[in-house]
Amino acid sequence: MKLSEAICRLGAAAGFTALATVCASAPAYAQLVFSNPRVNNGEIRVDPLLCQTDYQIRRAIAAAGFSHVLLNAPIGTHIRAKGTRNGVVYLIDYDYCLRPGIIGVAPLQRAR
């Protein structure tokens, strides 16, 4: 009888440990994968872990052929930047979270 009680307790402890491990790891995985992007009250919010850093944004814009890249303050998931290409200064609209990449480019003035 004592051996069967020990086996039951060992099985219960192993089951509880397995259940606790699964429950503890699920929220972090679900938060990063399934809730991004999520819509709350009509506004899209993305976890910062999935967004690009300033360094990554500058490198991506430079890879598109721009030099002297200056970043402005981010607005939502977009950031505006200025960059020079072929002697012209451009205003660059860049999405750094949802679909990282250049959205739009508009010429501002000739570079001095």
Protein backbone atom coordinates (compact mmCIF):
# COMPACT_ATOMS: atom_id res chain seq x y z
CA MET A 1 0.00 0.00 0.00
CA LYS A 2 2.81 2.42 0.76
CA LEU A 3 4.47 1.73 -2.59
CA SER A 4 1.28 2.53 -4.50
CA GLU A 5 0.83 5.79 -2.53
CA ALA A 6 4.39 6.81 -3.38
CA ILE A 7 3.80 6.05 -7.06
CA CYS A 8 0.57 8.09 -7.04
CA ARG A 9 2.26 11.05 -5.37
CA LEU A 10 5.18 10.86 -7.78
CA GLY A 11 2.80 10.76 -10.75
CA ALA A 12 0.78 13.67 -9.38
CA ALA A 13 3.94 15.74 -8.81
CA ALA A 14 5.21 15.00 -12.32
CA GLY A 15 1.84 15.93 -13.83
CA PHE A 16 1.66 19.16 -11.84
CA THR A 17 5.20 20.10 -12.89
CA ALA A 18 4.43 19.44 -16.56
CA LEU A 19 1.19 21.45 -16.37
CA ALA A 20 2.92 24.37 -14.62
CA THR A 21 5.66 24.41 -17.26
CA VAL A 22 3.17 24.49 -20.12
CA CYS A 23 1.04 27.20 -18.50
CA ALA A 24 4.04 29.38 -17.65
CA SER A 25 5.49 29.28 -21.16
CA ALA A 26 2.22 29.75 -23.07
CA PRO A 27 1.50 33.40 -22.19
CA ALA A 28 4.91 34.65 -23.36
CA TYR A 29 4.62 32.76 -26.65
CA ALA A 30 1.02 33.85 -27.18
CA GLN A 31 1.83 37.45 -26.33
CA LEU A 32 4.62 37.69 -28.91
CA VAL A 33 3.01 35.72 -31.72
CA PHE A 34 -0.77 35.85 -31.52
CA SER A 35 -1.36 39.32 -30.12
CA ASN A 36 0.80 41.21 -32.63
CA PRO A 37 -0.48 43.34 -34.16
CA ARG A 38 -3.61 43.57 -32.05
CA VAL A 39 -6.47 45.98 -32.46
CA ASN A 40 -7.67 47.78 -29.32
CA ASN A 41 -10.31 50.48 -29.65
CA GLY A 42 -9.47 51.00 -33.30
CA GLU A 43 -5.76 51.61 -32.79
CA ILE A 44 -3.05 49.16 -33.74
CA ARG A 45 -0.44 48.43 -31.10
CA VAL A 46 2.62 46.28 -31.61
CA ASP A 47 4.96 44.95 -28.96
CA PRO A 48 8.29 46.80 -29.10
CA LEU A 49 10.18 43.51 -29.30
CA LEU A 50 8.98 43.11 -32.88
CA CYS A 51 9.94 46.61 -34.05
CA GLN A 52 13.23 47.70 -35.58
CA THR A 53 15.72 49.85 -33.68
CA ASP A 54 17.02 53.21 -34.92
CA TYR A 55 20.22 51.51 -36.03
CA GLN A 56 18.30 48.93 -38.09
CA ILE A 57 16.14 51.66 -39.64
CA ARG A 58 19.19 53.70 -40.66
CA ARG A 59 20.87 50.64 -42.16
CA ALA A 60 17.75 49.69 -44.14
CA ILE A 61 17.40 53.21 -45.54
CA ALA A 62 21.12 53.31 -46.38
CA ALA A 63 20.76 49.94 -48.13
CA ALA A 64 18.11 51.56 -50.35
CA GLY A 65 20.77 53.98 -51.60
CA PHE A 66 20.37 56.96 -49.27
CA SER A 67 23.18 58.68 -47.36
CA HIS A 68 23.19 61.23 -44.52
CA VAL A 69 20.11 59.62 -42.96
CA LEU A 70 18.43 61.63 -40.19
CA LEU A 71 15.48 60.19 -38.23
CA ASN A 72 12.56 62.20 -36.85
CA ALA A 73 10.35 61.16 -33.94
CA PRO A 74 8.20 58.07 -34.56
CA ILE A 75 4.45 58.45 -35.06
CA GLY A 76 2.67 55.18 -34.30
CA THR A 77 4.51 52.49 -36.27
CA HIS A 78 5.89 54.96 -38.82
CA ILE A 79 8.93 57.18 -38.70
CA ARG A 80 9.95 59.95 -41.06
CA ALA A 81 13.54 60.36 -42.10
CA LYS A 82 15.57 62.59 -44.37
CA GLY A 83 18.16 61.13 -46.66
CA THR A 84 20.26 62.24 -49.63
CA ARG A 85 20.49 60.37 -52.93
CA ASN A 86 21.97 61.63 -56.21
CA GLY A 87 22.30 65.20 -54.89
CA VAL A 88 18.65 65.49 -53.78
CA VAL A 89 17.32 65.46 -50.18
CA TYR A 90 14.28 63.20 -49.76
CA LEU A 91 11.61 62.86 -47.10
CA ILE A 92 11.28 59.12 -46.41
CA ASP A 93 8.24 57.57 -44.75
CA TYR A 94 9.28 54.28 -43.11
CA ASP A 95 7.22 51.60 -41.33
CA TYR A 96 9.43 50.02 -38.68
CA CYS A 97 7.00 47.57 -37.04
CA LEU A 98 4.21 45.99 -39.06
CA ARG A 99 5.88 45.67 -42.46
CA PRO A 100 9.39 47.09 -42.12
CA GLY A 101 10.33 49.06 -45.19
CA ILE A 102 10.07 52.33 -47.05
CA ILE A 103 6.46 53.35 -47.66
CA GLY A 104 6.98 56.58 -49.52
CA VAL A 105 9.69 58.92 -50.78
CA ALA A 106 9.20 62.60 -51.67
CA PRO A 107 11.92 64.98 -52.90
CA LEU A 108 12.44 68.05 -50.70
CA GLN A 109 15.32 70.04 -52.20
CA ARG A 110 18.64 69.77 -53.91
CA ALA A 111 21.52 68.96 -51.57
CA ARG A 112 24.02 71.75 -50.97
